[in-house]
């Protein structure tokens, strides 16, 4: 992702939060927590040689 697209993404996130920077940061932190949880689950599944569940794709 280029610097310009980062700026655009930031502008879009802030706009979705009605200009509330704190709200945008909170939303990003929540999304990051969810992604970290999913990553940990994938690591655990790979470490144990198992799948991620019935017919669930590893990549969304």
PDB file of N, CA and C in Angstrom:
ATOM      1  N   UNK A   1       0.859  -1.175   0.000  1.00  0.00           N
ATOM      2  CA  UNK A   1       0.000   0.000   0.000  1.00  0.00           C
ATOM      3  C   UNK A   1       0.900   1.231   0.000  1.00  0.00           C
ATOM      4  N   UNK A   2       0.616   2.138  -0.906  1.00  0.00           N
ATOM      5  CA  UNK A   2       1.441   3.335  -1.021  1.00  0.00           C
ATOM      6  C   UNK A   2       1.035   4.380   0.014  1.00  0.00           C
ATOM      7  N   UNK A   3       1.878   5.369   0.180  1.00  0.00           N
ATOM      8  CA  UNK A   3       1.614   6.441   1.134  1.00  0.00           C
ATOM      9  C   UNK A   3       0.305   7.156   0.819  1.00  0.00           C
ATOM     10  N   UNK A   4       0.053   7.400  -0.473  1.00  0.00           N
ATOM     11  CA  UNK A   4      -1.179   8.060  -0.874  1.00  0.00           C
ATOM     12  C   UNK A   4      -2.403   7.238  -0.539  1.00  0.00           C
ATOM     13  N   UNK A   5      -2.314   5.912  -0.740  1.00  0.00           N
ATOM     14  CA  UNK A   5      -3.458   5.066  -0.426  1.00  0.00           C
ATOM     15  C   UNK A   5      -3.644   4.939   1.086  1.00  0.00           C
ATOM     16  N   UNK A   6      -2.537   5.061   1.842  1.00  0.00           N
ATOM     17  CA  UNK A   6      -2.666   5.086   3.307  1.00  0.00           C
ATOM     18  C   UNK A   6      -3.463   6.306   3.735  1.00  0.00           C
ATOM     19  N   UNK A   7      -3.113   7.441   3.141  1.00  0.00           N
ATOM     20  CA  UNK A   7      -3.820   8.688   3.474  1.00  0.00           C
ATOM     21  C   UNK A   7      -5.304   8.571   3.144  1.00  0.00           C
ATOM     22  N   UNK A   8      -5.597   7.993   1.995  1.00  0.00           N
ATOM     23  CA  UNK A   8      -6.992   7.821   1.576  1.00  0.00           C
ATOM     24  C   UNK A   8      -7.727   6.898   2.548  1.00  0.00           C
ATOM     25  N   UNK A   9      -7.078   5.803   2.931  1.00  0.00           N
ATOM     26  CA  UNK A   9      -7.699   4.864   3.864  1.00  0.00           C
ATOM     27  C   UNK A   9      -7.968   5.532   5.211  1.00  0.00           C
ATOM     28  N   UNK A  10      -7.013   6.323   5.675  1.00  0.00           N
ATOM     29  CA  UNK A  10      -7.192   7.033   6.948  1.00  0.00           C
ATOM     30  C   UNK A  10      -8.356   8.003   6.853  1.00  0.00           C
ATOM     31  N   UNK A  11      -8.404   8.757   5.756  1.00  0.00           N
ATOM     32  CA  UNK A  11      -9.507   9.708   5.559  1.00  0.00           C
ATOM     33  C   UNK A  11     -10.859   9.000   5.552  1.00  0.00           C
ATOM     34  N   UNK A  12     -10.930   7.836   4.900  1.00  0.00           N
ATOM     35  CA  UNK A  12     -12.184   7.081   4.838  1.00  0.00           C
ATOM     36  C   UNK A  12     -12.600   6.568   6.212  1.00  0.00           C
ATOM     37  N   UNK A  13     -11.643   6.080   6.982  1.00  0.00           N
ATOM     38  CA  UNK A  13     -11.953   5.562   8.318  1.00  0.00           C
ATOM     39  C   UNK A  13     -12.462   6.676   9.217  1.00  0.00           C
ATOM     40  N   UNK A  14     -11.789   7.818   9.187  1.00  0.00           N
ATOM     41  CA  UNK A  14     -12.216   8.956  10.003  1.00  0.00           C
ATOM     42  C   UNK A  14     -13.599   9.431   9.563  1.00  0.00           C
ATOM     43  N   UNK A  15     -13.829   9.460   8.255  1.00  0.00           N
ATOM     44  CA  UNK A  15     -15.140   9.886   7.741  1.00  0.00           C
ATOM     45  C   UNK A  15     -16.240   8.944   8.210  1.00  0.00           C
ATOM     46  N   UNK A  16     -15.962   7.648   8.226  1.00  0.00           N
ATOM     47  CA  UNK A  16     -16.957   6.670   8.690  1.00  0.00           C
ATOM     48  C   UNK A  16     -17.270   6.849  10.170  1.00  0.00           C
ATOM     49  N   UNK A  17     -16.358   7.470  10.882  1.00  0.00           N
ATOM     50  CA  UNK A  17     -16.569   7.742  12.312  1.00  0.00           C
ATOM     51  C   UNK A  17     -17.002   9.191  12.526  1.00  0.00           C
ATOM     52  N   UNK A  18     -17.580   9.784  11.487  1.00  0.00           N
ATOM     53  CA  UNK A  18     -18.092  11.164  11.558  1.00  0.00           C
ATOM     54  C   UNK A  18     -17.040  12.168  12.021  1.00  0.00           C
ATOM     55  N   UNK A  19     -15.800  11.966  11.598  1.00  0.00           N
ATOM     56  CA  UNK A  19     -14.725  12.895  11.924  1.00  0.00           C
ATOM     57  C   UNK A  19     -14.133  12.711  13.309  1.00  0.00           C
ATOM     58  N   UNK A  20     -14.599  11.727  14.037  1.00  0.00           N
ATOM     59  CA  UNK A  20     -14.118  11.477  15.404  1.00  0.00           C
ATOM     60  C   UNK A  20     -12.838  10.646  15.358  1.00  0.00           C
ATOM     61  N   UNK A  21     -11.710  11.302  15.588  1.00  0.00           N
ATOM     62  CA  UNK A  21     -10.411  10.626  15.536  1.00  0.00           C
ATOM     63  C   UNK A  21     -10.322   9.524  16.589  1.00  0.00           C
ATOM     64  N   UNK A  22     -10.780   9.815  17.796  1.00  0.00           N
ATOM     65  CA  UNK A  22     -10.743   8.790  18.858  1.00  0.00           C
ATOM     66  C   UNK A  22     -11.609   7.595  18.487  1.00  0.00           C
ATOM     67  N   UNK A  23     -12.759   7.863  17.892  1.00  0.00           N
ATOM     68  CA  UNK A  23     -13.633   6.777  17.447  1.00  0.00           C
ATOM     69  C   UNK A  23     -12.974   5.943  16.367  1.00  0.00           C
ATOM     70  N   UNK A  24     -12.277   6.616  15.450  1.00  0.00           N
ATOM     71  CA  UNK A  24     -11.575   5.911  14.378  1.00  0.00           C
ATOM     72  C   UNK A  24     -10.462   5.038  14.950  1.00  0.00           C
ATOM     73  N   UNK A  25      -9.725   5.571  15.911  1.00  0.00           N
ATOM     74  CA  UNK A  25      -8.659   4.776  16.543  1.00  0.00           C
ATOM     75  C   UNK A  25      -9.233   3.580  17.284  1.00  0.00           C
ATOM     76  N   UNK A  26     -10.335   3.796  17.989  1.00  0.00           N
ATOM     77  CA  UNK A  26     -10.982   2.692  18.710  1.00  0.00           C
ATOM     78  C   UNK A  26     -11.424   1.607  17.730  1.00  0.00           C
ATOM     79  N   UNK A  27     -12.028   2.019  16.611  1.00  0.00           N
ATOM     80  CA  UNK A  27     -12.464   1.057  15.604  1.00  0.00           C
ATOM     81  C   UNK A  27     -11.276   0.270  15.056  1.00  0.00           C
ATOM     82  N   UNK A  28     -10.179   0.952  14.775  1.00  0.00           N
ATOM     83  CA  UNK A  28      -8.991   0.273  14.262  1.00  0.00           C
ATOM     84  C   UNK A  28      -8.396  -0.695  15.281  1.00  0.00           C
ATOM     85  N   UNK A  29      -8.399  -0.290  16.549  1.00  0.00           N
ATOM     86  CA  UNK A  29      -7.893  -1.190  17.590  1.00  0.00           C
ATOM     87  C   UNK A  29      -8.755  -2.445  17.702  1.00  0.00           C
ATOM     88  N   UNK A  30     -10.066  -2.289  17.599  1.00  0.00           N
ATOM     89  CA  UNK A  30     -10.963  -3.446  17.669  1.00  0.00           C
ATOM     90  C   UNK A  30     -10.743  -4.381  16.485  1.00  0.00           C
ATOM     91  N   UNK A  31     -10.585  -3.812  15.299  1.00  0.00           N
ATOM     92  CA  UNK A  31     -10.317  -4.633  14.116  1.00  0.00           C
ATOM     93  C   UNK A  31      -8.978  -5.345  14.276  1.00  0.00           C
ATOM     94  N   UNK A  32      -7.982  -4.651  14.780  1.00  0.00           N
ATOM     95  CA  UNK A  32      -6.666  -5.250  14.986  1.00  0.00           C
ATOM     96  C   UNK A  32      -6.738  -6.406  15.982  1.00  0.00           C
ATOM     97  N   UNK A  33      -7.487  -6.239  17.062  1.00  0.00           N
ATOM     98  CA  UNK A  33      -7.647  -7.321  18.045  1.00  0.00           C
ATOM     99  C   UNK A  33      -8.269  -8.549  17.394  1.00  0.00           C
ATOM    100  N   UNK A  34      -9.293  -8.334  16.567  1.00  0.00           N
ATOM    101  CA  UNK A  34      -9.947  -9.445  15.885  1.00  0.00           C
ATOM    102  C   UNK A  34      -8.970 -10.155  14.953  1.00  0.00           C
ATOM    103  N   UNK A  35      -8.186  -9.391  14.207  1.00  0.00           N
ATOM    104  CA  UNK A  35      -7.212  -9.988  13.297  1.00  0.00           C
ATOM    105  C   UNK A  35      -6.137 -10.762  14.063  1.00  0.00           C
ATOM    106  N   UNK A  36      -5.705 -10.225  15.202  1.00  0.00           N
ATOM    107  CA  UNK A  36      -4.716 -10.934  16.026  1.00  0.00           C
ATOM    108  C   UNK A  36      -5.282 -12.243  16.549  1.00  0.00           C
ATOM    109  N   UNK A  37      -6.554 -12.244  16.942  1.00  0.00           N
ATOM    110  CA  UNK A  37      -7.205 -13.465  17.412  1.00  0.00           C
ATOM    111  C   UNK A  37      -7.275 -14.499  16.297  1.00  0.00           C
ATOM    112  N   UNK A  38      -7.680 -14.067  15.109  1.00  0.00           N
ATOM    113  CA  UNK A  38      -7.752 -14.989  13.973  1.00  0.00           C
ATOM    114  C   UNK A  38      -6.380 -15.539  13.629  1.00  0.00           C
ATOM    115  N   UNK A  39      -5.365 -14.695  13.666  1.00  0.00           N
ATOM    116  CA  UNK A  39      -4.009 -15.140  13.368  1.00  0.00           C
ATOM    117  C   UNK A  39      -3.535 -16.164  14.385  1.00  0.00           C
ATOM    118  N   UNK A  40      -3.812 -15.925  15.647  1.00  0.00           N
ATOM    119  CA  UNK A  40      -3.429 -16.883  16.695  1.00  0.00           C
ATOM    120  C   UNK A  40      -4.128 -18.222  16.481  1.00  0.00           C
ATOM    121  N   UNK A  41      -5.408 -18.176  16.081  1.00  0.00           N
ATOM    122  CA  UNK A  41      -6.149 -19.414  15.816  1.00  0.00           C
ATOM    123  C   UNK A  41      -5.548 -20.167  14.631  1.00  0.00           C
ATOM    124  N   UNK A  42      -5.162 -19.449  13.599  1.00  0.00           N
ATOM    125  CA  UNK A  42      -4.538 -20.082  12.444  1.00  0.00           C
ATOM    126  C   UNK A  42      -3.195 -20.697  12.803  1.00  0.00           C
ATOM    127  N   UNK A  43      -2.417 -19.978  13.595  1.00  0.00           N
ATOM    128  CA  UNK A  43      -1.118 -20.518  14.032  1.00  0.00           C
ATOM    129  C   UNK A  43      -1.323 -21.790  14.837  1.00  0.00           C
ATOM    130  N   UNK A  44      -2.301 -21.787  15.729  1.00  0.00           N
ATOM    131  CA  UNK A  44      -2.579 -22.972  16.550  1.00  0.00           C
ATOM    132  C   UNK A  44      -3.018 -24.135  15.677  1.00  0.00           C
ATOM    133  N   UNK A  45      -3.862 -23.874  14.696  1.00  0.00           N
ATOM    134  CA  UNK A  45      -4.338 -24.937  13.810  1.00  0.00           C
ATOM    135  C   UNK A  45      -3.186 -25.536  13.011  1.00  0.00           C
ATOM    136  N   UNK A  46      -2.310 -24.690  12.511  1.00  0.00           N
ATOM    137  CA  UNK A  46      -1.166 -25.175  11.743  1.00  0.00           C
ATOM    138  C   UNK A  46      -0.208 -25.950  12.643  1.00  0.00           C
ATOM    139  N   UNK A  47       0.012 -25.456  13.851  1.00  0.00           N
ATOM    140  CA  UNK A  47       0.931 -26.114  14.787  1.00  0.00           C
ATOM    141  C   UNK A  47       0.443 -27.504  15.163  1.00  0.00           C
ATOM    142  N   UNK A  48      -0.877 -27.674  15.188  1.00  0.00           N
ATOM    143  CA  UNK A  48      -1.450 -28.972  15.571  1.00  0.00           C
ATOM    144  C   UNK A  48      -1.843 -29.807  14.361  1.00  0.00           C
ATOM    145  N   UNK A  49      -1.527 -29.322  13.170  1.00  0.00           N
ATOM    146  CA  UNK A  49      -1.804 -30.060  11.957  1.00  0.00           C
ATOM    147  C   UNK A  49      -3.288 -30.196  11.654  1.00  0.00           C
ATOM    148  N   UNK A  50      -4.107 -29.378  12.296  1.00  0.00           N
ATOM    149  CA  UNK A  50      -5.551 -29.468  12.093  1.00  0.00           C
ATOM    150  C   UNK A  50      -6.049 -28.442  11.114  1.00  0.00           C
ATOM    151  N   UNK A  51      -7.350 -28.460  10.942  1.00  0.00           N
ATOM    152  CA  UNK A  51      -7.970 -27.478  10.058  1.00  0.00           C
ATOM    153  C   UNK A  51      -8.547 -26.357  10.911  1.00  0.00           C
ATOM    154  N   UNK A  52      -9.070 -25.352  10.242  1.00  0.00           N
ATOM    155  CA  UNK A  52      -9.655 -24.225  10.956  1.00  0.00           C
ATOM    156  C   UNK A  52     -11.148 -24.413  11.170  1.00  0.00           C
ATOM    157  N   UNK A  53     -11.660 -25.577  10.846  1.00  0.00           N
ATOM    158  CA  UNK A  53     -13.081 -25.845  11.032  1.00  0.00           C
ATOM    159  C   UNK A  53     -13.686 -26.395   9.761  1.00  0.00           C
ATOM    160  N   UNK A  54     -14.930 -26.804   9.842  1.00  0.00           N
ATOM    161  CA  UNK A  54     -15.568 -27.395   8.671  1.00  0.00           C
ATOM    162  C   UNK A  54     -15.797 -26.371   7.565  1.00  0.00           C
ATOM    163  N   UNK A  55     -15.219 -26.666   6.407  1.00  0.00           N
ATOM    164  CA  UNK A  55     -15.392 -25.862   5.193  1.00  0.00           C
ATOM    165  C   UNK A  55     -15.124 -24.379   5.392  1.00  0.00           C
ATOM    166  N   UNK A  56     -14.254 -24.053   6.320  1.00  0.00           N
ATOM    167  CA  UNK A  56     -13.892 -22.658   6.532  1.00  0.00           C
ATOM    168  C   UNK A  56     -12.561 -22.407   5.850  1.00  0.00           C
ATOM    169  N   UNK A  57     -12.538 -21.435   5.004  1.00  0.00           N
ATOM    170  CA  UNK A  57     -11.326 -21.099   4.277  1.00  0.00           C
ATOM    171  C   UNK A  57     -10.344 -20.388   5.204  1.00  0.00           C
ATOM    172  N   UNK A  58      -9.072 -20.722   5.079  1.00  0.00           N
ATOM    173  CA  UNK A  58      -8.050 -20.052   5.880  1.00  0.00           C
ATOM    174  C   UNK A  58      -7.945 -18.593   5.474  1.00  0.00           C
ATOM    175  N   UNK A  59      -8.089 -18.350   4.176  1.00  0.00           N
ATOM    176  CA  UNK A  59      -8.049 -16.975   3.690  1.00  0.00           C
ATOM    177  C   UNK A  59      -9.471 -16.523   3.414  1.00  0.00           C
ATOM    178  N   UNK A  60      -9.823 -15.340   3.860  1.00  0.00           N
ATOM    179  CA  UNK A  60     -11.180 -14.852   3.661  1.00  0.00           C
ATOM    180  C   UNK A  60     -11.284 -14.246   2.287  1.00  0.00           C
TER     181      UNK A  60
END
